[in-house]
């Protein structure tokens, strides 16, 4: 499953959107929640958006620690790609 509380280390993918950012799925989920928050236009929706972004960032950091420990080439991949946004240089 692509969603779960526990992340599983699989193989390193460096093609498609992963060429530019390390966590495109999480970016998509953040964009989705942002759209819902904009449509709702309430303080509660804004709070939930901030919470969702924070949780996705924590989830991505946990996943990265697992990859660094088990996939040797991940450190190089990490240096060359953006976390949630493409690197400019």
PDB file of N, CA and C in Angstrom:
ATOM      1  N   UNK A   1       0.844  -1.190   0.000  1.00  0.00           N
ATOM      2  CA  UNK A   1       0.000   0.000   0.000  1.00  0.00           C
ATOM      3  C   UNK A   1       0.877   1.238   0.000  1.00  0.00           C
ATOM      4  N   UNK A   2       0.431   2.289  -0.652  1.00  0.00           N
ATOM      5  CA  UNK A   2       1.217   3.516  -0.699  1.00  0.00           C
ATOM      6  C   UNK A   2       1.014   4.362   0.549  1.00  0.00           C
ATOM      7  N   UNK A   3      -0.033   4.116   1.298  1.00  0.00           N
ATOM      8  CA  UNK A   3      -0.257   4.880   2.517  1.00  0.00           C
ATOM      9  C   UNK A   3      -0.223   3.946   3.700  1.00  0.00           C
ATOM     10  N   UNK A   4       0.467   4.349   4.709  1.00  0.00           N
ATOM     11  CA  UNK A   4       0.511   3.580   5.937  1.00  0.00           C
ATOM     12  C   UNK A   4       1.292   4.348   6.977  1.00  0.00           C
ATOM     13  N   UNK A   5       1.142   3.954   8.209  1.00  0.00           N
ATOM     14  CA  UNK A   5       1.889   4.612   9.271  1.00  0.00           C
ATOM     15  C   UNK A   5       3.338   4.163   9.288  1.00  0.00           C
ATOM     16  N   UNK A   6       3.577   2.966   8.851  1.00  0.00           N
ATOM     17  CA  UNK A   6       4.946   2.452   8.783  1.00  0.00           C
ATOM     18  C   UNK A   6       5.412   2.493   7.337  1.00  0.00           C
ATOM     19  N   UNK A   7       6.600   3.039   7.155  1.00  0.00           N
ATOM     20  CA  UNK A   7       7.144   3.083   5.803  1.00  0.00           C
ATOM     21  C   UNK A   7       8.006   1.859   5.569  1.00  0.00           C
ATOM     22  N   UNK A   8       7.917   1.315   4.392  1.00  0.00           N
ATOM     23  CA  UNK A   8       8.721   0.151   4.022  1.00  0.00           C
ATOM     24  C   UNK A   8       9.765   0.590   3.006  1.00  0.00           C
ATOM     25  N   UNK A   9      11.001   0.190   3.246  1.00  0.00           N
ATOM     26  CA  UNK A   9      12.063   0.516   2.301  1.00  0.00           C
ATOM     27  C   UNK A   9      12.001  -0.487   1.171  1.00  0.00           C
ATOM     28  N   UNK A  10      11.833   0.034  -0.021  1.00  0.00           N
ATOM     29  CA  UNK A  10      11.806  -0.820  -1.200  1.00  0.00           C
ATOM     30  C   UNK A  10      13.047  -0.498  -2.007  1.00  0.00           C
ATOM     31  N   UNK A  11      12.911  -0.380  -3.299  1.00  0.00           N
ATOM     32  CA  UNK A  11      14.056  -0.014  -4.126  1.00  0.00           C
ATOM     33  C   UNK A  11      14.051   1.488  -4.372  1.00  0.00           C
ATOM     34  N   UNK A  12      15.221   2.030  -4.668  1.00  0.00           N
ATOM     35  CA  UNK A  12      15.352   3.452  -4.945  1.00  0.00           C
ATOM     36  C   UNK A  12      14.894   3.740  -6.370  1.00  0.00           C
ATOM     37  N   UNK A  13      13.939   4.647  -6.511  1.00  0.00           N
ATOM     38  CA  UNK A  13      13.437   5.055  -7.822  1.00  0.00           C
ATOM     39  C   UNK A  13      13.985   6.450  -8.106  1.00  0.00           C
ATOM     40  N   UNK A  14      14.618   6.612  -9.263  1.00  0.00           N
ATOM     41  CA  UNK A  14      15.214   7.908  -9.613  1.00  0.00           C
ATOM     42  C   UNK A  14      14.687   8.445 -10.944  1.00  0.00           C
ATOM     43  N   UNK A  15      13.596   7.902 -11.425  1.00  0.00           N
ATOM     44  CA  UNK A  15      13.029   8.355 -12.697  1.00  0.00           C
ATOM     45  C   UNK A  15      11.682   9.023 -12.449  1.00  0.00           C
ATOM     46  N   UNK A  16      11.140   9.609 -13.510  1.00  0.00           N
ATOM     47  CA  UNK A  16       9.856  10.288 -13.388  1.00  0.00           C
ATOM     48  C   UNK A  16       9.976  11.487 -12.462  1.00  0.00           C
ATOM     49  N   UNK A  17       8.968  11.742 -11.637  1.00  0.00           N
ATOM     50  CA  UNK A  17       9.038  12.903 -10.747  1.00  0.00           C
ATOM     51  C   UNK A  17      10.156  12.787  -9.711  1.00  0.00           C
ATOM     52  N   UNK A  18      10.608  11.564  -9.456  1.00  0.00           N
ATOM     53  CA  UNK A  18      11.685  11.356  -8.489  1.00  0.00           C
ATOM     54  C   UNK A  18      13.021  11.898  -8.994  1.00  0.00           C
ATOM     55  N   UNK A  19      13.114  12.238 -10.271  1.00  0.00           N
ATOM     56  CA  UNK A  19      14.340  12.857 -10.785  1.00  0.00           C
ATOM     57  C   UNK A  19      14.558  14.219 -10.153  1.00  0.00           C
ATOM     58  N   UNK A  20      13.487  14.891  -9.747  1.00  0.00           N
ATOM     59  CA  UNK A  20      13.572  16.262  -9.226  1.00  0.00           C
ATOM     60  C   UNK A  20      13.333  16.372  -7.721  1.00  0.00           C
ATOM     61  N   UNK A  21      12.403  15.556  -7.192  1.00  0.00           N
ATOM     62  CA  UNK A  21      12.111  15.618  -5.757  1.00  0.00           C
ATOM     63  C   UNK A  21      12.041  14.215  -5.176  1.00  0.00           C
ATOM     64  N   UNK A  22      12.363  14.123  -3.890  1.00  0.00           N
ATOM     65  CA  UNK A  22      12.419  12.804  -3.254  1.00  0.00           C
ATOM     66  C   UNK A  22      11.055  12.297  -2.798  1.00  0.00           C
ATOM     67  N   UNK A  23      10.085  13.165  -2.619  1.00  0.00           N
ATOM     68  CA  UNK A  23       8.795  12.744  -2.062  1.00  0.00           C
ATOM     69  C   UNK A  23       7.610  13.311  -2.854  1.00  0.00           C
ATOM     70  N   UNK A  24       7.499  12.968  -4.137  1.00  0.00           N
ATOM     71  CA  UNK A  24       6.401  13.536  -4.932  1.00  0.00           C
ATOM     72  C   UNK A  24       5.011  13.099  -4.458  1.00  0.00           C
ATOM     73  N   UNK A  25       4.883  11.924  -3.906  1.00  0.00           N
ATOM     74  CA  UNK A  25       3.577  11.481  -3.409  1.00  0.00           C
ATOM     75  C   UNK A  25       3.120  12.376  -2.261  1.00  0.00           C
ATOM     76  N   UNK A  26       4.038  12.697  -1.370  1.00  0.00           N
ATOM     77  CA  UNK A  26       3.687  13.560  -0.242  1.00  0.00           C
ATOM     78  C   UNK A  26       3.333  14.962  -0.726  1.00  0.00           C
ATOM     79  N   UNK A  27       4.027  15.445  -1.749  1.00  0.00           N
ATOM     80  CA  UNK A  27       3.706  16.754  -2.331  1.00  0.00           C
ATOM     81  C   UNK A  27       2.283  16.724  -2.896  1.00  0.00           C
ATOM     82  N   UNK A  28       1.938  15.654  -3.588  1.00  0.00           N
ATOM     83  CA  UNK A  28       0.584  15.522  -4.122  1.00  0.00           C
ATOM     84  C   UNK A  28      -0.468  15.522  -3.029  1.00  0.00           C
ATOM     85  N   UNK A  29      -0.178  14.846  -1.937  1.00  0.00           N
ATOM     86  CA  UNK A  29      -1.122  14.819  -0.823  1.00  0.00           C
ATOM     87  C   UNK A  29      -1.263  16.208  -0.197  1.00  0.00           C
ATOM     88  N   UNK A  30      -0.149  16.942  -0.100  1.00  0.00           N
ATOM     89  CA  UNK A  30      -0.202  18.304   0.439  1.00  0.00           C
ATOM     90  C   UNK A  30      -1.020  19.208  -0.483  1.00  0.00           C
ATOM     91  N   UNK A  31      -0.834  19.077  -1.783  1.00  0.00           N
ATOM     92  CA  UNK A  31      -1.615  19.873  -2.740  1.00  0.00           C
ATOM     93  C   UNK A  31      -3.106  19.543  -2.615  1.00  0.00           C
ATOM     94  N   UNK A  32      -3.413  18.279  -2.465  1.00  0.00           N
ATOM     95  CA  UNK A  32      -4.803  17.840  -2.304  1.00  0.00           C
ATOM     96  C   UNK A  32      -5.431  18.479  -1.067  1.00  0.00           C
ATOM     97  N   UNK A  33      -4.748  18.377   0.059  1.00  0.00           N
ATOM     98  CA  UNK A  33      -5.271  18.943   1.305  1.00  0.00           C
ATOM     99  C   UNK A  33      -5.369  20.467   1.199  1.00  0.00           C
ATOM    100  N   UNK A  34      -4.419  21.084   0.489  1.00  0.00           N
ATOM    101  CA  UNK A  34      -4.461  22.540   0.296  1.00  0.00           C
ATOM    102  C   UNK A  34      -5.717  22.947  -0.463  1.00  0.00           C
ATOM    103  N   UNK A  35      -6.060  22.192  -1.482  1.00  0.00           N
ATOM    104  CA  UNK A  35      -7.274  22.481  -2.242  1.00  0.00           C
ATOM    105  C   UNK A  35      -8.523  22.372  -1.395  1.00  0.00           C
ATOM    106  N   UNK A  36      -8.572  21.349  -0.579  1.00  0.00           N
ATOM    107  CA  UNK A  36      -9.729  21.176   0.306  1.00  0.00           C
ATOM    108  C   UNK A  36      -9.810  22.327   1.302  1.00  0.00           C
ATOM    109  N   UNK A  37      -8.650  22.716   1.859  1.00  0.00           N
ATOM    110  CA  UNK A  37      -8.633  23.822   2.823  1.00  0.00           C
ATOM    111  C   UNK A  37      -9.079  25.128   2.170  1.00  0.00           C
ATOM    112  N   UNK A  38      -8.644  25.361   0.931  1.00  0.00           N
ATOM    113  CA  UNK A  38      -9.065  26.576   0.228  1.00  0.00           C
ATOM    114  C   UNK A  38     -10.563  26.573  -0.047  1.00  0.00           C
ATOM    115  N   UNK A  39     -11.094  25.428  -0.408  1.00  0.00           N
ATOM    116  CA  UNK A  39     -12.537  25.337  -0.659  1.00  0.00           C
ATOM    117  C   UNK A  39     -13.345  25.540   0.619  1.00  0.00           C
ATOM    118  N   UNK A  40     -12.865  24.971   1.712  1.00  0.00           N
ATOM    119  CA  UNK A  40     -13.578  25.101   2.983  1.00  0.00           C
ATOM    120  C   UNK A  40     -13.472  26.525   3.526  1.00  0.00           C
ATOM    121  N   UNK A  41     -12.288  27.127   3.376  1.00  0.00           N
ATOM    122  CA  UNK A  41     -12.056  28.519   3.798  1.00  0.00           C
ATOM    123  C   UNK A  41     -12.493  28.790   5.234  1.00  0.00           C
ATOM    124  N   UNK A  42     -12.076  27.904   6.142  1.00  0.00           N
ATOM    125  CA  UNK A  42     -12.381  28.089   7.560  1.00  0.00           C
ATOM    126  C   UNK A  42     -11.086  28.006   8.363  1.00  0.00           C
ATOM    127  N   UNK A  43     -11.078  28.555   9.563  1.00  0.00           N
ATOM    128  CA  UNK A  43      -9.887  28.426  10.412  1.00  0.00           C
ATOM    129  C   UNK A  43      -9.537  26.959  10.700  1.00  0.00           C
ATOM    130  N   UNK A  44     -10.538  26.133  10.874  1.00  0.00           N
ATOM    131  CA  UNK A  44     -10.287  24.710  11.131  1.00  0.00           C
ATOM    132  C   UNK A  44      -9.591  24.059   9.943  1.00  0.00           C
ATOM    133  N   UNK A  45      -9.990  24.421   8.743  1.00  0.00           N
ATOM    134  CA  UNK A  45      -9.360  23.861   7.542  1.00  0.00           C
ATOM    135  C   UNK A  45      -7.908  24.303   7.449  1.00  0.00           C
ATOM    136  N   UNK A  46      -7.626  25.548   7.795  1.00  0.00           N
ATOM    137  CA  UNK A  46      -6.245  26.032   7.794  1.00  0.00           C
ATOM    138  C   UNK A  46      -5.417  25.275   8.825  1.00  0.00           C
ATOM    139  N   UNK A  47      -5.977  25.061  10.001  1.00  0.00           N
ATOM    140  CA  UNK A  47      -5.296  24.289  11.040  1.00  0.00           C
ATOM    141  C   UNK A  47      -4.997  22.876  10.539  1.00  0.00           C
ATOM    142  N   UNK A  48      -5.963  22.241   9.922  1.00  0.00           N
ATOM    143  CA  UNK A  48      -5.759  20.886   9.410  1.00  0.00           C
ATOM    144  C   UNK A  48      -4.719  20.853   8.294  1.00  0.00           C
ATOM    145  N   UNK A  49      -4.663  21.897   7.479  1.00  0.00           N
ATOM    146  CA  UNK A  49      -3.640  21.987   6.435  1.00  0.00           C
ATOM    147  C   UNK A  49      -2.248  22.050   7.055  1.00  0.00           C
ATOM    148  N   UNK A  50      -2.073  22.906   8.043  1.00  0.00           N
ATOM    149  CA  UNK A  50      -0.769  23.016   8.717  1.00  0.00           C
ATOM    150  C   UNK A  50      -0.397  21.682   9.352  1.00  0.00           C
ATOM    151  N   UNK A  51      -1.349  21.036   9.984  1.00  0.00           N
ATOM    152  CA  UNK A  51      -1.102  19.734  10.600  1.00  0.00           C
ATOM    153  C   UNK A  51      -0.720  18.694   9.549  1.00  0.00           C
ATOM    154  N   UNK A  52      -1.418  18.676   8.433  1.00  0.00           N
ATOM    155  CA  UNK A  52      -1.128  17.708   7.365  1.00  0.00           C
ATOM    156  C   UNK A  52       0.263  17.920   6.789  1.00  0.00           C
ATOM    157  N   UNK A  53       0.655  19.174   6.575  1.00  0.00           N
ATOM    158  CA  UNK A  53       1.994  19.457   6.045  1.00  0.00           C
ATOM    159  C   UNK A  53       3.056  18.995   7.042  1.00  0.00           C
ATOM    160  N   UNK A  54       2.847  19.289   8.312  1.00  0.00           N
ATOM    161  CA  UNK A  54       3.811  18.874   9.337  1.00  0.00           C
ATOM    162  C   UNK A  54       3.922  17.351   9.403  1.00  0.00           C
ATOM    163  N   UNK A  55       2.803  16.666   9.368  1.00  0.00           N
ATOM    164  CA  UNK A  55       2.824  15.203   9.433  1.00  0.00           C
ATOM    165  C   UNK A  55       3.501  14.596   8.210  1.00  0.00           C
ATOM    166  N   UNK A  56       3.268  15.156   7.035  1.00  0.00           N
ATOM    167  CA  UNK A  56       3.922  14.640   5.827  1.00  0.00           C
ATOM    168  C   UNK A  56       5.431  14.859   5.905  1.00  0.00           C
ATOM    169  N   UNK A  57       5.854  16.000   6.428  1.00  0.00           N
ATOM    170  CA  UNK A  57       7.288  16.267   6.560  1.00  0.00           C
ATOM    171  C   UNK A  57       7.934  15.285   7.534  1.00  0.00           C
ATOM    172  N   UNK A  58       7.274  15.023   8.648  1.00  0.00           N
ATOM    173  CA  UNK A  58       7.797  14.049   9.620  1.00  0.00           C
ATOM    174  C   UNK A  58       7.842  12.663   8.995  1.00  0.00           C
ATOM    175  N   UNK A  59       6.802  12.298   8.318  1.00  0.00           N
ATOM    176  CA  UNK A  59       6.740  10.985   7.656  1.00  0.00           C
ATOM    177  C   UNK A  59       7.873  10.829   6.641  1.00  0.00           C
ATOM    178  N   UNK A  60       8.133  11.877   5.869  1.00  0.00           N
ATOM    179  CA  UNK A  60       9.209  11.836   4.881  1.00  0.00           C
ATOM    180  C   UNK A  60      10.569  11.725   5.560  1.00  0.00           C
ATOM    181  N   UNK A  61      10.769  12.434   6.661  1.00  0.00           N
ATOM    182  CA  UNK A  61      12.049  12.362   7.383  1.00  0.00           C
ATOM    183  C   UNK A  61      12.289  10.953   7.928  1.00  0.00           C
ATOM    184  N   UNK A  62      11.259  10.326   8.457  1.00  0.00           N
ATOM    185  CA  UNK A  62      11.381   8.951   8.959  1.00  0.00           C
ATOM    186  C   UNK A  62      11.747   8.013   7.817  1.00  0.00           C
ATOM    187  N   UNK A  63      11.072   8.174   6.692  1.00  0.00           N
ATOM    188  CA  UNK A  63      11.359   7.349   5.517  1.00  0.00           C
ATOM    189  C   UNK A  63      12.806   7.547   5.057  1.00  0.00           C
ATOM    190  N   UNK A  64      13.277   8.784   5.085  1.00  0.00           N
ATOM    191  CA  UNK A  64      14.650   9.059   4.656  1.00  0.00           C
ATOM    192  C   UNK A  64      15.670   8.382   5.564  1.00  0.00           C
ATOM    193  N   UNK A  65      15.434   8.393   6.860  1.00  0.00           N
ATOM    194  CA  UNK A  65      16.361   7.707   7.777  1.00  0.00           C
ATOM    195  C   UNK A  65      16.460   6.223   7.447  1.00  0.00           C
ATOM    196  N   UNK A  66      15.334   5.616   7.130  1.00  0.00           N
ATOM    197  CA  UNK A  66      15.341   4.195   6.779  1.00  0.00           C
ATOM    198  C   UNK A  66      16.099   3.955   5.476  1.00  0.00           C
ATOM    199  N   UNK A  67      15.879   4.820   4.493  1.00  0.00           N
ATOM    200  CA  UNK A  67      16.596   4.681   3.222  1.00  0.00           C
ATOM    201  C   UNK A  67      18.099   4.875   3.410  1.00  0.00           C
ATOM    202  N   UNK A  68      18.492   5.876   4.186  1.00  0.00           N
ATOM    203  CA  UNK A  68      19.922   6.121   4.407  1.00  0.00           C
ATOM    204  C   UNK A  68      20.597   4.921   5.061  1.00  0.00           C
ATOM    205  N   UNK A  69      19.870   4.234   5.931  1.00  0.00           N
ATOM    206  CA  UNK A  69      20.430   3.080   6.636  1.00  0.00           C
ATOM    207  C   UNK A  69      20.497   1.830   5.769  1.00  0.00           C
ATOM    208  N   UNK A  70      19.670   1.737   4.738  1.00  0.00           N
ATOM    209  CA  UNK A  70      19.609   0.475   3.998  1.00  0.00           C
ATOM    210  C   UNK A  70      19.922   0.571   2.503  1.00  0.00           C
ATOM    211  N   UNK A  71      19.982   1.772   1.945  1.00  0.00           N
ATOM    212  CA  UNK A  71      20.246   1.932   0.513  1.00  0.00           C
ATOM    213  C   UNK A  71      21.468   2.843   0.358  1.00  0.00           C
ATOM    214  N   UNK A  72      22.633   2.268   0.060  1.00  0.00           N
ATOM    215  CA  UNK A  72      23.870   3.057   0.008  1.00  0.00           C
ATOM    216  C   UNK A  72      23.817   4.258  -0.941  1.00  0.00           C
ATOM    217  N   UNK A  73      23.182   4.121  -2.082  1.00  0.00           N
ATOM    218  CA  UNK A  73      23.164   5.214  -3.061  1.00  0.00           C
ATOM    219  C   UNK A  73      22.172   6.331  -2.714  1.00  0.00           C
ATOM    220  N   UNK A  74      21.419   6.162  -1.630  1.00  0.00           N
ATOM    221  CA  UNK A  74      20.432   7.180  -1.267  1.00  0.00           C
ATOM    222  C   UNK A  74      21.082   8.502  -0.865  1.00  0.00           C
ATOM    223  N   UNK A  75      22.239   8.462  -0.239  1.00  0.00           N
ATOM    224  CA  UNK A  75      22.915   9.699   0.173  1.00  0.00           C
ATOM    225  C   UNK A  75      23.223  10.578  -1.035  1.00  0.00           C
ATOM    226  N   UNK A  76      23.701   9.980  -2.115  1.00  0.00           N
ATOM    227  CA  UNK A  76      23.984  10.738  -3.339  1.00  0.00           C
ATOM    228  C   UNK A  76      22.686  11.265  -3.957  1.00  0.00           C
ATOM    229  N   UNK A  77      21.677  10.431  -4.005  1.00  0.00           N
ATOM    230  CA  UNK A  77      20.368  10.839  -4.523  1.00  0.00           C
ATOM    231  C   UNK A  77      19.833  12.025  -3.718  1.00  0.00           C
ATOM    232  N   UNK A  78      19.990  11.962  -2.414  1.00  0.00           N
ATOM    233  CA  UNK A  78      19.523  13.016  -1.517  1.00  0.00           C
ATOM    234  C   UNK A  78      20.241  14.341  -1.782  1.00  0.00           C
ATOM    235  N   UNK A  79      21.529  14.276  -2.053  1.00  0.00           N
ATOM    236  CA  UNK A  79      22.296  15.489  -2.342  1.00  0.00           C
ATOM    237  C   UNK A  79      21.843  16.166  -3.638  1.00  0.00           C
ATOM    238  N   UNK A  80      21.354  15.380  -4.584  1.00  0.00           N
ATOM    239  CA  UNK A  80      21.037  15.904  -5.917  1.00  0.00           C
ATOM    240  C   UNK A  80      19.572  16.242  -6.154  1.00  0.00           C
ATOM    241  N   UNK A  81      18.702  15.921  -5.222  1.00  0.00           N
ATOM    242  CA  UNK A  81      17.269  16.173  -5.418  1.00  0.00           C
ATOM    243  C   UNK A  81      16.692  16.954  -4.246  1.00  0.00           C
ATOM    244  N   UNK A  82      15.609  17.658  -4.508  1.00  0.00           N
ATOM    245  CA  UNK A  82      14.947  18.417  -3.459  1.00  0.00           C
ATOM    246  C   UNK A  82      14.088  17.526  -2.575  1.00  0.00           C
ATOM    247  N   UNK A  83      13.832  17.999  -1.376  1.00  0.00           N
ATOM    248  CA  UNK A  83      13.035  17.248  -0.404  1.00  0.00           C
ATOM    249  C   UNK A  83      11.565  17.204  -0.840  1.00  0.00           C
ATOM    250  N   UNK A  84      10.905  18.345  -0.831  1.00  0.00           N
ATOM    251  CA  UNK A  84       9.516  18.437  -1.296  1.00  0.00           C
ATOM    252  C   UNK A  84       9.374  19.420  -2.451  1.00  0.00           C
ATOM    253  N   UNK A  85      10.468  20.048  -2.834  1.00  0.00           N
ATOM    254  CA  UNK A  85      10.479  21.037  -3.913  1.00  0.00           C
ATOM    255  C   UNK A  85      11.761  20.852  -4.699  1.00  0.00           C
ATOM    256  N   UNK A  86      11.733  20.955  -6.012  1.00  0.00           N
ATOM    257  CA  UNK A  86      12.965  20.748  -6.800  1.00  0.00           C
ATOM    258  C   UNK A  86      14.070  21.731  -6.422  1.00  0.00           C
ATOM    259  N   UNK A  87      15.299  21.242  -6.450  1.00  0.00           N
ATOM    260  CA  UNK A  87      16.447  22.120  -6.229  1.00  0.00           C
ATOM    261  C   UNK A  87      16.656  22.966  -7.471  1.00  0.00           C
ATOM    262  N   UNK A  88      17.021  24.212  -7.265  1.00  0.00           N
ATOM    263  CA  UNK A  88      17.250  25.113  -8.392  1.00  0.00           C
ATOM    264  C   UNK A  88      18.644  24.895  -8.955  1.00  0.00           C
ATOM    265  N   UNK A  89      19.620  24.702  -8.091  1.00  0.00           N
ATOM    266  CA  UNK A  89      21.009  24.515  -8.540  1.00  0.00           C
ATOM    267  C   UNK A  89      21.516  23.148  -8.166  1.00  0.00           C
TER     268      UNK A  89
END
